[in-house]
Amino acid sequence: QVQLVESGGGLVQAGDSLRLSCAASGRTFSMYPMGWFRQPPGKIREFVASIPWSGSGTNYAGSVKGRFTISRDNSKNRVYLQMNSLKPEDTAVYYCAAGPYGGTYSYTRGSEYNYWGQGTQVTVSS
């Protein structure tokens, strides 16, 4: 069982940066591939970024590649999403998710993730 709590969201202007953090419970956090998803207002949830348990071999949605960076600190049971050059279309509720225990890939589909946080709101004004 993994419990996830996101933080770091807020209201920013276009061009600003934000760093989201996801705190995970459980001593075996290091064995879970992790991902970030988002749900823009009135739209379905979409993949943003993912990172395998090893930390190498990340994956990004095309819309955020080059602007967002996913990372993890297994010693702190945390995964991060550094978001730079934010745009109004990045406005969404951002969710942290944990994938299959021991999974070795950077998973991109929501159905591949077993545990989800409650989400944190990111609003980017123009």
Protein backbone atom coordinates (compact mmCIF):
# COMPACT_ATOMS: atom_id res chain seq x y z
CA GLN A 1 0.00 0.00 0.00
CA VAL A 2 1.28 3.44 -0.94
CA GLN A 3 -0.22 6.76 0.10
CA LEU A 4 0.64 9.84 -1.92
CA VAL A 5 0.29 13.51 -1.01
CA GLU A 6 1.02 16.26 -3.53
CA SER A 7 2.01 19.82 -2.69
CA GLY A 8 3.44 22.90 -4.36
CA GLY A 9 0.58 23.97 -6.58
CA GLY A 10 -0.64 27.54 -6.81
CA LEU A 11 -1.48 30.53 -8.97
CA VAL A 12 1.34 31.84 -11.16
CA GLN A 13 1.78 33.96 -14.25
CA ALA A 14 2.75 32.71 -17.68
CA GLY A 15 6.50 32.19 -17.86
CA ASP A 16 6.87 31.46 -14.16
CA SER A 17 8.10 28.24 -12.58
CA LEU A 18 6.66 25.89 -9.98
CA ARG A 19 7.97 22.77 -8.31
CA LEU A 20 5.47 20.12 -7.35
CA SER A 21 6.34 17.59 -4.70
CA CYS A 22 4.79 14.22 -3.95
CA ALA A 23 5.41 12.60 -0.58
CA ALA A 24 4.94 8.84 -0.45
CA SER A 25 4.43 6.56 2.51
CA GLY A 26 5.95 3.13 2.77
CA ARG A 27 9.49 1.83 3.06
CA THR A 28 9.46 0.35 -0.44
CA PHE A 29 8.88 3.60 -2.29
CA SER A 30 12.14 3.08 -4.17
CA MET A 31 10.65 0.06 -5.98
CA TYR A 32 7.71 1.93 -7.51
CA PRO A 33 7.81 3.66 -10.87
CA MET A 34 6.20 7.07 -10.46
CA GLY A 35 4.27 9.39 -12.69
CA TRP A 36 2.60 12.77 -12.89
CA PHE A 37 -0.73 13.26 -14.61
CA ARG A 38 -2.97 16.29 -14.95
CA GLN A 39 -6.61 17.05 -15.59
CA PRO A 40 -7.33 20.42 -17.20
CA PRO A 41 -10.75 21.95 -16.52
CA GLY A 42 -13.44 20.21 -18.56
CA LYS A 43 -11.00 17.67 -20.01
CA ILE A 44 -9.92 14.14 -19.29
CA ARG A 45 -6.84 13.24 -17.31
CA GLU A 46 -3.61 13.18 -19.32
CA PHE A 47 -0.09 11.90 -18.88
CA VAL A 48 2.61 14.45 -18.03
CA ALA A 49 5.81 12.65 -17.02
CA SER A 50 7.09 9.40 -15.55
CA ILE A 51 10.21 7.98 -13.99
CA PRO A 52 11.16 4.35 -13.28
CA TRP A 53 12.25 3.21 -9.86
CA SER A 54 15.89 3.46 -10.96
CA GLY A 55 15.53 7.13 -11.81
CA SER A 56 16.90 6.79 -15.31
CA GLY A 57 14.83 6.63 -18.50
CA THR A 58 12.22 9.31 -17.93
CA ASN A 59 9.27 9.92 -20.22
CA TYR A 60 7.41 13.15 -21.03
CA ALA A 61 4.32 14.26 -22.87
CA GLY A 62 5.18 16.21 -25.97
CA SER A 63 3.44 19.31 -24.64
CA VAL A 64 5.79 19.58 -21.65
CA LYS A 65 9.05 18.16 -23.01
CA GLY A 66 11.87 20.64 -22.53
CA ARG A 67 9.93 22.63 -19.92
CA PHE A 68 9.14 20.07 -17.21
CA THR A 69 11.54 17.76 -15.37
CA ILE A 70 10.57 14.78 -13.23
CA SER A 71 12.96 13.55 -10.57
CA ARG A 72 12.90 11.43 -7.44
CA ASP A 73 14.72 11.18 -4.16
CA ASN A 74 14.27 7.66 -2.86
CA SER A 75 15.97 8.54 0.42
CA LYS A 76 13.17 11.05 1.10
CA ASN A 77 10.32 9.04 -0.45
CA ARG A 78 9.58 11.93 -2.79
CA VAL A 79 9.06 12.57 -6.46
CA TYR A 80 9.18 16.04 -7.95
CA LEU A 81 7.94 17.85 -11.02
CA GLN A 82 9.88 20.99 -11.88
CA MET A 83 7.75 23.10 -14.21
CA ASN A 84 9.38 25.97 -16.07
CA SER A 85 8.06 28.42 -18.67
CA LEU A 86 4.51 27.73 -17.59
CA LYS A 87 1.70 28.46 -20.01
CA PRO A 88 -2.02 29.04 -19.42
CA GLU A 89 -2.71 25.65 -21.03
CA ASP A 90 -0.76 24.01 -18.19
CA THR A 91 -3.63 24.95 -15.87
CA ALA A 92 -4.90 21.71 -14.34
CA VAL A 93 -5.14 19.58 -11.24
CA TYR A 94 -1.87 17.66 -11.07
CA TYR A 95 -1.80 14.14 -9.70
CA CYS A 96 1.06 11.98 -8.52
CA ALA A 97 0.75 8.24 -9.10
CA ALA A 98 2.64 5.06 -8.22
CA GLY A 99 2.94 2.27 -10.76
CA PRO A 100 3.33 -1.49 -10.36
CA TYR A 101 5.72 -2.59 -7.62
CA GLY A 102 9.05 -3.47 -9.19
CA GLY A 103 8.02 -2.18 -12.59
CA THR A 104 11.04 -1.26 -14.66
CA TYR A 105 9.55 1.12 -17.19
CA SER A 106 8.41 4.72 -17.38
CA TYR A 107 4.70 4.03 -17.71
CA THR A 108 2.54 6.51 -19.59
CA ARG A 109 -0.99 5.17 -19.24
CA GLY A 110 -3.11 5.92 -16.22
CA SER A 111 -4.38 2.34 -16.16
CA GLU A 112 -0.85 1.18 -15.36
CA TYR A 113 -0.81 3.07 -12.07
CA ASN A 114 -2.23 1.61 -8.89
CA TYR A 115 -2.05 4.45 -6.37
CA TRP A 116 -3.02 8.10 -6.74
CA GLY A 117 -2.73 11.26 -4.70
CA GLN A 118 -5.55 13.73 -4.13
CA GLY A 119 -4.13 16.28 -6.57
CA THR A 120 -2.85 19.83 -6.37
CA GLN A 121 -4.21 22.75 -8.38
CA VAL A 122 -1.93 24.66 -10.73
CA THR A 123 -3.34 27.79 -12.32
CA VAL A 124 -1.36 29.79 -14.86
CA SER A 125 -2.67 33.24 -15.76
CA SER A 126 -1.86 34.96 -19.03
